[in-house]
Amino acid sequence: MKKSFWMVLLISALWLTAGCGKETATHSASGSASGGKEHKPEVKTESKKADDLDIKGLTMESIQKEGKMQEVAPGALQISPERQQLIGVKIGRVEMKPLEKIIRTVGRVDYDERKVVTVSPKIGGWIEDLFVDFTGKYVRQGEPLLTIYSPELVSTQEEYLLALRAKKDLVKSPFSEVAASGNSLAESARRRLKLWDISDDQIKILEETGQPKKTLTLYSPFSGFVLEKMAYKGMSLMPGMVLFKLVDLSTVWLYADIYEYEIPFIRLGQQATIQLSYLPGETFSGKAIYIYPSLDPNTRTAKVRLEFPNPNGKLKPEMYANVEIKVQLGRKLTVPEGAIIDTGIRQMAIIDKGNGYFEPREVKVGAKVGDYYEVFSGLKAGERVVTSANFLIDSESKFKEAVGAPGHSH
């Protein structure tokens, strides 16, 4: 009897439990339909599905366009603003600008070799009178330098006077050959006097006076300073002996030493200016007229010859002057000097990509002009480059690349 009671009680409990589960399910369903408290889980599910749809709609291209992802090259790295300030990062810009290279050197003033002449007699004899008797004297063209006594000159003058008398007598001859011979004899003696630098005026005086002159006067061929004097009163001389060396200093030459790497910038006709230490504030202008074909093996420099007008004689041979040559290179793509890292094998620059990203890049640069390099390749106008602390950034970039760090950052 007791056993039957417990069985009925157990079956009743099971029935009640099943009934409560159905009621709970019924309440849950009715609660969803009536807008009850169980509406929240359903809203969360729909929101999650909406987010999944948005992510599926995004592409790599759209992310890059929106700036959500930064594309960087291998070896690039990101540096926070705080760390940039700590290591002293400074930024410059690649830009087009006119370049003017200034070459500075020292030069030495010298004579213009084209304006140096020597005075030599064409006849032997002795110096009787010496009018220019010291080195450095200024003489004008046509001014007498000295007189020469020459027995040969005296005899030639006498021959010329005899030829003139014979010409007058032979002209009266009825035979044309005889008349012509008298004329040719006089012309021969006259030509000999002309070859000895006897002027037409001197020959005319000889014809008028009929008296041969004992001495021959040598005149200065042009105006200038006596650079050398080898003539002394009473000395004997031979034809061709140098007696005076004269120089015209209206223009002078200047020899400047140009370093090997600057020679390509020098052109014939290149304008140059010089200043002298004893004339502060005064500038002289000239031009390059010759570039020597060889270098000095000790100094690795080549000489350039410059020509300067010297109307007032302020530029004197053997003076030293400060030379400045300005070379206009035109508008070029340039980068600040501090932006270039020269490894000896290649040249690098660190590019600021924005948002704290920096990218190392190999570049090719040309001549250094002032604080800038001319850019041949690797950079474009408007790009930003690191001009300070770039060695630190380059070293960290190489370390990152060596340990295999990823090249892209999202």
Protein backbone atom coordinates (compact mmCIF):
# COMPACT_ATOMS: atom_id res chain seq x y z
CA MET A 1 0.00 0.00 0.00
CA LYS A 2 2.79 2.34 0.89
CA LYS A 3 4.55 1.39 -2.29
CA SER A 4 1.61 2.41 -4.45
CA PHE A 5 1.33 5.73 -2.66
CA TRP A 6 4.90 6.69 -3.46
CA MET A 7 4.51 5.74 -7.13
CA VAL A 8 1.45 8.03 -7.50
CA LEU A 9 3.33 10.85 -5.82
CA LEU A 10 6.31 10.50 -8.20
CA ILE A 11 4.11 10.51 -11.32
CA SER A 12 2.33 13.64 -10.10
CA ALA A 13 5.63 15.44 -9.57
CA LEU A 14 6.80 14.63 -13.08
CA TRP A 15 3.51 15.88 -14.57
CA LEU A 16 3.76 19.15 -12.68
CA THR A 17 7.34 19.69 -13.86
CA ALA A 18 6.42 19.15 -17.51
CA GLY A 19 3.50 21.49 -17.18
CA CYS A 20 5.68 24.26 -15.71
CA GLY A 21 8.16 23.94 -18.62
CA LYS A 22 5.41 24.34 -21.19
CA GLU A 23 4.04 27.33 -19.35
CA THR A 24 7.44 28.93 -19.23
CA ALA A 25 7.89 28.41 -22.98
CA THR A 26 4.39 29.72 -23.60
CA HIS A 27 5.12 32.80 -21.48
CA SER A 28 8.39 33.34 -23.26
CA ALA A 29 6.75 33.19 -26.69
CA SER A 30 3.86 35.37 -25.60
CA GLY A 31 6.30 37.79 -23.98
CA SER A 32 8.15 38.16 -27.31
CA ALA A 33 4.93 38.81 -29.14
CA SER A 34 3.64 41.30 -26.57
CA GLY A 35 6.93 43.34 -26.33
CA GLY A 36 7.90 42.04 -22.85
CA LYS A 37 11.27 41.93 -21.14
CA GLU A 38 12.77 39.19 -23.34
CA HIS A 39 13.02 41.58 -26.42
CA LYS A 40 16.62 42.60 -25.59
CA PRO A 41 18.50 39.46 -26.69
CA GLU A 42 16.77 39.66 -30.08
CA VAL A 43 17.99 43.27 -30.62
CA LYS A 44 21.60 42.28 -29.78
CA THR A 45 21.57 39.52 -32.39
CA GLU A 46 20.37 41.87 -35.13
CA SER A 47 23.04 44.48 -34.25
CA LYS A 48 25.77 41.87 -34.46
CA LYS A 49 24.56 40.76 -37.89
CA ALA A 50 24.56 44.41 -39.08
CA ASP A 51 28.19 44.82 -37.99
CA ASP A 52 29.15 41.65 -39.83
CA LEU A 53 27.56 43.05 -42.99
CA ASP A 54 29.53 46.35 -42.63
CA ILE A 55 32.89 44.55 -42.27
CA LYS A 56 32.17 42.37 -45.31
CA GLY A 57 31.47 45.50 -47.35
CA LEU A 58 34.91 47.04 -46.64
CA THR A 59 37.84 46.45 -49.03
CA MET A 60 41.63 47.12 -48.72
CA GLU A 61 41.28 49.98 -51.16
CA SER A 62 38.46 51.63 -49.22
CA ILE A 63 40.39 51.34 -45.96
CA GLN A 64 43.46 53.00 -47.51
CA LYS A 65 41.29 55.76 -48.97
CA GLU A 66 39.75 56.46 -45.59
CA GLY A 67 43.21 56.59 -43.99
CA LYS A 68 42.49 53.64 -41.70
CA MET A 69 45.61 51.78 -42.82
CA GLN A 70 49.14 53.11 -43.58
CA GLU A 71 51.06 51.32 -46.33
CA VAL A 72 54.83 51.40 -45.67
CA ALA A 73 57.87 49.89 -47.36
CA PRO A 74 60.04 47.13 -45.85
CA GLY A 75 62.37 48.56 -43.23
CA ALA A 76 60.00 51.43 -42.40
CA LEU A 77 59.07 52.12 -38.83
CA GLN A 78 56.72 54.22 -36.75
CA ILE A 79 57.97 56.69 -34.16
CA SER A 80 55.72 58.39 -31.67
CA PRO A 81 55.72 62.21 -31.44
CA GLU A 82 57.20 62.02 -27.94
CA ARG A 83 60.13 59.94 -29.11
CA GLN A 84 60.65 62.16 -32.19
CA GLN A 85 61.03 65.11 -29.86
CA LEU A 86 63.36 63.15 -27.60
CA ILE A 87 65.83 62.17 -30.35
CA GLY A 88 65.59 65.58 -32.06
CA VAL A 89 63.90 64.77 -35.37
CA LYS A 90 63.80 67.73 -37.76
CA ILE A 91 62.03 67.80 -41.10
CA GLY A 92 63.03 69.49 -44.37
CA ARG A 93 61.45 69.61 -47.80
CA VAL A 94 62.52 68.62 -51.31
CA GLU A 95 61.95 71.61 -53.60
CA MET A 96 62.90 73.31 -56.86
CA LYS A 97 65.14 76.33 -56.38
CA PRO A 98 67.82 78.31 -58.25
CA LEU A 99 71.34 77.20 -57.37
CA GLU A 100 74.40 79.44 -57.34
CA LYS A 101 77.73 77.84 -56.54
CA ILE A 102 80.46 80.13 -55.23
CA ILE A 103 84.07 79.02 -55.66
CA ARG A 104 86.52 80.82 -53.38
CA THR A 105 90.29 80.59 -53.69
CA VAL A 106 93.50 82.64 -53.66
CA GLY A 107 95.27 83.97 -56.75
CA ARG A 108 98.55 85.61 -57.73
CA VAL A 109 98.78 88.61 -60.06
CA ASP A 110 101.24 88.36 -62.95
CA TYR A 111 102.14 90.09 -66.21
CA ASP A 112 100.08 89.68 -69.35
CA GLU A 113 102.57 87.74 -71.47
CA ARG A 114 101.06 89.13 -74.66
CA LYS A 115 102.12 92.63 -73.62
CA VAL A 116 105.76 91.92 -72.87
CA VAL A 117 108.25 92.99 -75.60
CA THR A 118 112.02 93.10 -75.91
CA VAL A 119 114.14 95.80 -77.55
CA SER A 120 117.12 94.45 -79.57
CA PRO A 121 119.35 96.14 -82.15
CA LYS A 122 119.68 94.74 -85.66
CA ILE A 123 123.16 96.12 -86.05
CA GLY A 124 126.36 95.75 -84.02
CA GLY A 125 128.26 98.60 -82.37
CA TRP A 126 128.63 100.44 -79.08
CA ILE A 127 126.12 102.23 -76.84
CA GLU A 128 127.01 105.92 -76.89
CA ASP A 129 124.04 107.53 -75.10
CA LEU A 130 121.63 105.82 -72.67
CA PHE A 131 118.35 107.68 -72.03
CA VAL A 132 116.48 105.00 -70.04
CA ASP A 133 118.93 104.08 -67.33
CA PHE A 134 116.96 102.23 -64.59
CA THR A 135 114.52 99.35 -64.24
CA GLY A 136 110.86 100.21 -63.61
CA LYS A 137 110.88 103.47 -65.54
CA TYR A 138 107.74 104.17 -67.57
CA VAL A 139 108.38 104.98 -71.22
CA ARG A 140 105.98 106.05 -73.93
CA GLN A 141 105.78 104.75 -77.44
CA GLY A 142 108.33 106.59 -79.67
CA GLU A 143 110.45 107.77 -76.77
CA PRO A 144 114.25 107.38 -77.37
CA LEU A 145 115.94 104.59 -75.40
CA LEU A 146 119.61 104.85 -76.48
CA THR A 147 121.98 105.64 -79.34
CA ILE A 148 124.32 103.17 -81.04
CA TYR A 149 127.60 104.01 -82.80
CA SER A 150 128.13 101.59 -85.67
CA PRO A 151 130.87 101.89 -88.34
CA GLU A 152 128.73 99.68 -90.58
CA LEU A 153 125.85 102.10 -90.26
CA VAL A 154 128.07 105.04 -91.20
CA SER A 155 129.39 103.29 -94.32
CA THR A 156 125.87 102.33 -95.42
CA GLN A 157 124.74 105.94 -95.14
CA GLU A 158 127.69 107.04 -97.24
CA GLU A 159 126.81 104.41 -99.84
CA TYR A 160 123.26 105.71 -99.96
CA LEU A 161 124.43 109.32 -100.49
CA LEU A 162 126.78 108.17 -103.29
CA ALA A 163 123.94 106.22 -104.89
CA LEU A 164 121.75 109.30 -104.85
CA ARG A 165 124.47 111.38 -106.61
CA ALA A 166 125.05 108.63 -109.16
CA LYS A 167 121.33 108.38 -109.78
CA LYS A 168 121.23 112.06 -110.77
CA ASP A 169 124.10 111.57 -113.24
CA LEU A 170 122.89 108.26 -114.68
CA VAL A 171 119.38 109.56 -115.27
CA LYS A 172 120.85 111.85 -117.99
CA SER A 173 122.24 108.84 -119.88
CA PRO A 174 120.50 108.10 -123.24
CA PHE A 175 120.60 104.42 -122.40
CA SER A 176 117.63 103.26 -120.32
CA GLU A 177 119.55 100.35 -118.77
CA VAL A 178 122.16 102.73 -117.35
CA ALA A 179 119.46 105.04 -115.96
CA ALA A 180 117.65 102.11 -114.31
CA SER A 181 120.87 100.81 -112.69
CA GLY A 182 121.43 104.12 -110.91
CA ASN A 183 117.92 104.00 -109.52
CA SER A 184 118.25 100.38 -108.29
CA LEU A 185 121.55 101.14 -106.55
CA ALA A 186 119.94 103.92 -104.50
CA GLU A 187 116.93 101.76 -103.61
CA SER A 188 119.16 98.92 -102.43
CA ALA A 189 121.02 101.21 -99.98
CA ARG A 190 117.72 102.67 -98.74
CA ARG A 191 116.26 99.21 -98.04
CA ARG A 192 119.33 98.30 -96.00
CA LEU A 193 118.83 101.36 -93.80
CA LYS A 194 115.13 100.51 -93.36
CA LEU A 195 116.00 96.98 -92.25
CA TRP A 196 118.10 98.48 -89.46
CA ASP A 197 115.01 100.29 -88.13
CA ILE A 198 116.04 103.70 -89.46
CA SER A 199 112.83 105.63 -89.93
CA ASP A 200 111.66 107.46 -93.05
CA ASP A 201 112.11 110.77 -91.25
CA GLN A 202 115.75 109.94 -90.47
CA ILE A 203 116.38 108.95 -94.10
CA LYS A 204 114.77 112.17 -95.27
CA ILE A 205 117.05 114.24 -93.01
CA LEU A 206 120.04 112.29 -94.39
CA GLU A 207 118.97 113.12 -97.95
CA GLU A 208 118.47 116.80 -97.12
CA THR A 209 121.70 117.34 -95.19
CA GLY A 210 123.90 114.97 -97.17
CA GLN A 211 125.81 114.21 -93.97
CA PRO A 212 125.88 110.65 -92.55
CA LYS A 213 124.96 110.38 -88.87
CA LYS A 214 127.46 108.78 -86.56
CA THR A 215 124.87 107.07 -84.32
CA LEU A 216 121.55 105.24 -84.63
CA THR A 217 118.79 106.04 -82.13
CA LEU A 218 116.56 103.18 -80.87
CA TYR A 219 112.99 104.19 -79.93
CA SER A 220 110.47 102.45 -77.66
CA PRO A 221 108.07 100.31 -79.74
CA PHE A 222 105.17 100.86 -77.30
CA SER A 223 104.26 102.34 -73.92
CA GLY A 224 105.07 100.39 -70.78
CA PHE A 225 107.33 99.84 -67.80
CA VAL A 226 110.95 98.72 -68.06
CA LEU A 227 110.81 95.21 -66.69
CA GLU A 228 114.47 94.41 -67.34
CA LYS A 229 117.44 96.53 -68.44
CA MET A 230 120.59 94.91 -69.82
CA ALA A 231 122.01 98.03 -71.53
CA TYR A 232 124.87 100.10 -70.10
CA LYS A 233 126.59 103.14 -71.52
CA GLY A 234 129.73 102.27 -73.51
CA MET A 235 129.06 98.56 -73.74
CA SER A 236 129.53 96.78 -77.06
CA LEU A 237 126.64 94.92 -78.53
CA MET A 238 125.86 92.40 -81.22
CA PRO A 239 122.82 92.17 -83.49
CA GLY A 240 119.92 90.51 -81.68
CA MET A 241 121.18 91.20 -78.14
CA VAL A 242 118.30 91.96 -75.70
CA LEU A 243 118.78 95.44 -74.25
CA PHE A 244 115.37 96.14 -72.65
CA LYS A 245 112.28 94.18 -71.70
CA LEU A 246 109.13 96.31 -71.52
CA VAL A 247 105.68 95.38 -70.18
CA ASP A 248 102.30 97.04 -70.54
CA LEU A 249 100.27 96.73 -67.30
CA SER A 250 96.99 98.08 -68.65
CA THR A 251 95.75 94.48 -68.31
CA VAL A 252 97.15 91.80 -65.98
CA TRP A 253 96.76 88.07 -65.51
CA LEU A 254 95.89 86.29 -62.29
CA TYR A 255 96.60 82.61 -61.61
CA ALA A 256 94.09 80.89 -59.32
CA ASP A 257 94.30 77.34 -57.94
CA ILE A 258 91.01 75.44 -58.33
CA TYR A 259 90.40 72.14 -56.54
CA GLU A 260 89.91 69.01 -58.60
CA TYR A 261 86.21 68.58 -57.76
CA GLU A 262 85.43 72.22 -58.69
CA ILE A 263 87.11 72.23 -62.11
CA PRO A 264 83.96 71.05 -64.00
CA PHE A 265 82.19 74.26 -62.94
CA ILE A 266 84.78 76.55 -64.57
CA ARG A 267 84.19 77.69 -68.16
CA LEU A 268 86.12 80.00 -70.44
CA GLY A 269 84.65 83.48 -70.13
CA GLN A 270 83.45 82.75 -66.58
CA GLN A 271 83.20 86.01 -64.63
CA ALA A 272 85.29 86.40 -61.47
CA THR A 273 85.91 89.07 -58.84
CA ILE A 274 88.93 89.69 -56.65
CA GLN A 275 89.67 91.73 -53.56
CA LEU A 276 93.02 92.87 -52.20
CA SER A 277 93.84 92.97 -48.51
CA TYR A 278 95.40 96.43 -48.80
CA LEU A 279 92.35 97.85 -50.65
CA PRO A 280 89.40 96.81 -48.45
CA GLY A 281 85.98 97.26 -50.02
CA GLU A 282 87.32 97.63 -53.58
CA THR A 283 86.45 94.88 -56.06
CA PHE A 284 87.98 94.12 -59.46
CA SER A 285 86.14 92.15 -62.15
CA GLY A 286 87.69 89.86 -64.74
CA LYS A 287 87.12 86.62 -66.65
CA ALA A 288 88.68 83.19 -67.15
CA ILE A 289 90.71 82.95 -70.34
CA TYR A 290 92.58 79.65 -69.95
CA ILE A 291 92.28 76.42 -67.93
CA TYR A 292 95.51 74.46 -67.59
CA PRO A 293 95.27 70.84 -68.83
CA SER A 294 97.10 69.23 -65.88
CA LEU A 295 96.89 69.13 -62.07
CA ASP A 296 99.50 69.74 -59.44
CA PRO A 297 100.10 66.25 -57.96
CA ASN A 298 100.84 67.66 -54.51
CA THR A 299 97.87 70.00 -54.04
CA ARG A 300 95.42 68.27 -56.46
CA THR A 301 94.56 71.64 -57.97
CA ALA A 302 94.56 73.04 -61.50
CA LYS A 303 95.55 76.55 -62.42
CA VAL A 304 93.06 78.87 -64.09
CA ARG A 305 94.25 82.03 -65.79
CA LEU A 306 92.05 85.09 -65.30
CA GLU A 307 92.35 88.42 -67.11
CA PHE A 308 91.68 91.75 -65.35
CA PRO A 309 91.67 95.32 -66.72
CA ASN A 310 94.15 97.48 -64.82
CA PRO A 311 93.75 101.06 -66.08
CA ASN A 312 94.91 102.69 -62.83
CA GLY A 313 97.78 100.31 -62.19
CA LYS A 314 96.44 99.18 -58.79
CA LEU A 315 96.99 95.52 -59.62
CA LYS A 316 100.70 94.85 -59.47
CA PRO A 317 102.52 91.63 -60.42
CA GLU A 318 103.19 89.20 -57.53
CA MET A 319 100.29 90.53 -55.45
CA TYR A 320 97.98 88.00 -53.79
CA ALA A 321 94.22 88.39 -54.04
CA ASN A 322 91.07 86.66 -52.76
CA VAL A 323 89.20 85.22 -55.75
CA GLU A 324 85.46 84.57 -55.94
CA ILE A 325 83.80 82.84 -58.90
CA LYS A 326 79.99 82.61 -59.01
CA VAL A 327 78.54 79.78 -61.09
CA GLN A 328 74.84 79.93 -61.99
CA LEU A 329 73.45 76.37 -62.18
CA GLY A 330 69.79 77.29 -62.90
CA ARG A 331 66.68 75.89 -61.18
CA LYS A 332 67.30 72.40 -59.83
CA LEU A 333 65.54 69.86 -57.61
CA THR A 334 67.27 70.20 -54.23
CA VAL A 335 67.34 68.54 -50.83
CA PRO A 336 68.86 69.92 -47.59
CA GLU A 337 72.41 68.77 -46.94
CA GLY A 338 71.53 67.16 -43.58
CA ALA A 339 68.97 64.86 -45.21
CA ILE A 340 71.59 62.78 -47.06
CA ILE A 341 73.26 59.78 -45.41
CA ASP A 342 76.36 58.81 -47.40
CA THR A 343 77.45 55.26 -46.62
CA GLY A 344 80.34 55.35 -49.06
CA ILE A 345 78.56 52.83 -51.30
CA ARG A 346 75.20 54.52 -51.69
CA GLN A 347 73.29 57.57 -50.52
CA MET A 348 70.13 57.35 -48.42
CA ALA A 349 67.38 59.68 -47.23
CA ILE A 350 64.65 59.14 -44.60
CA ILE A 351 61.21 60.07 -45.95
CA ASP A 352 58.48 61.32 -43.59
CA LYS A 353 55.35 59.42 -44.73
CA GLY A 354 53.08 61.06 -42.14
CA ASN A 355 51.32 59.67 -39.04
CA GLY A 356 54.72 58.97 -37.47
CA TYR A 357 55.91 56.61 -40.25
CA PHE A 358 59.41 56.95 -41.71
CA GLU A 359 60.77 55.16 -44.76
CA PRO A 360 64.46 54.85 -45.81
CA ARG A 361 65.06 55.36 -49.53
CA GLU A 362 68.10 55.20 -51.78
CA VAL A 363 68.72 58.43 -53.72
CA LYS A 364 71.26 59.92 -56.11
CA VAL A 365 72.51 63.45 -55.59
CA GLY A 366 74.92 65.65 -57.48
CA ALA A 367 76.95 68.68 -56.52
CA LYS A 368 76.71 70.24 -53.08
CA VAL A 369 75.86 73.92 -53.38
CA GLY A 370 75.82 75.80 -50.09
CA ASP A 371 73.53 73.87 -47.73
CA TYR A 372 71.80 71.87 -50.49
CA TYR A 373 72.43 68.94 -52.78
CA GLU A 374 71.18 68.72 -56.34
CA VAL A 375 68.85 65.69 -56.65
CA PHE A 376 69.22 63.35 -59.63
CA SER A 377 66.79 60.59 -58.65
CA GLY A 378 64.93 59.02 -55.72
CA LEU A 379 63.05 62.11 -54.53
CA LYS A 380 60.19 64.27 -55.78
CA ALA A 381 59.37 67.92 -55.19
CA GLY A 382 57.23 68.42 -52.08
CA GLU A 383 58.37 65.29 -50.21
CA ARG A 384 59.33 65.71 -46.57
CA VAL A 385 62.71 64.37 -45.44
CA VAL A 386 64.40 64.01 -42.07
CA THR A 387 67.33 66.43 -41.73
CA SER A 388 68.33 65.65 -38.13
CA ALA A 389 68.57 62.33 -36.24
CA ASN A 390 68.28 60.49 -39.56
CA PHE A 391 71.24 58.28 -38.63
CA LEU A 392 69.35 57.02 -35.59
CA ILE A 393 66.23 56.32 -37.64
CA ASP A 394 68.25 54.59 -40.37
CA SER A 395 70.02 52.38 -37.82
CA GLU A 396 66.74 51.35 -36.18
CA SER A 397 65.20 50.68 -39.59
CA LYS A 398 68.07 48.37 -40.55
CA PHE A 399 67.80 46.57 -37.20
CA LYS A 400 64.07 46.08 -37.68
CA GLU A 401 64.64 44.70 -41.17
CA ALA A 402 67.39 42.38 -39.92
CA VAL A 403 65.22 40.77 -37.21
CA GLY A 404 62.38 40.25 -39.69
CA ALA A 405 59.85 42.72 -38.33
CA PRO A 406 56.74 43.14 -40.53
CA GLY A 407 56.88 45.86 -43.17
CA HIS A 408 53.21 46.95 -42.91
CA SER A 409 51.36 48.43 -39.97
CA HIS A 410 47.56 48.73 -39.67
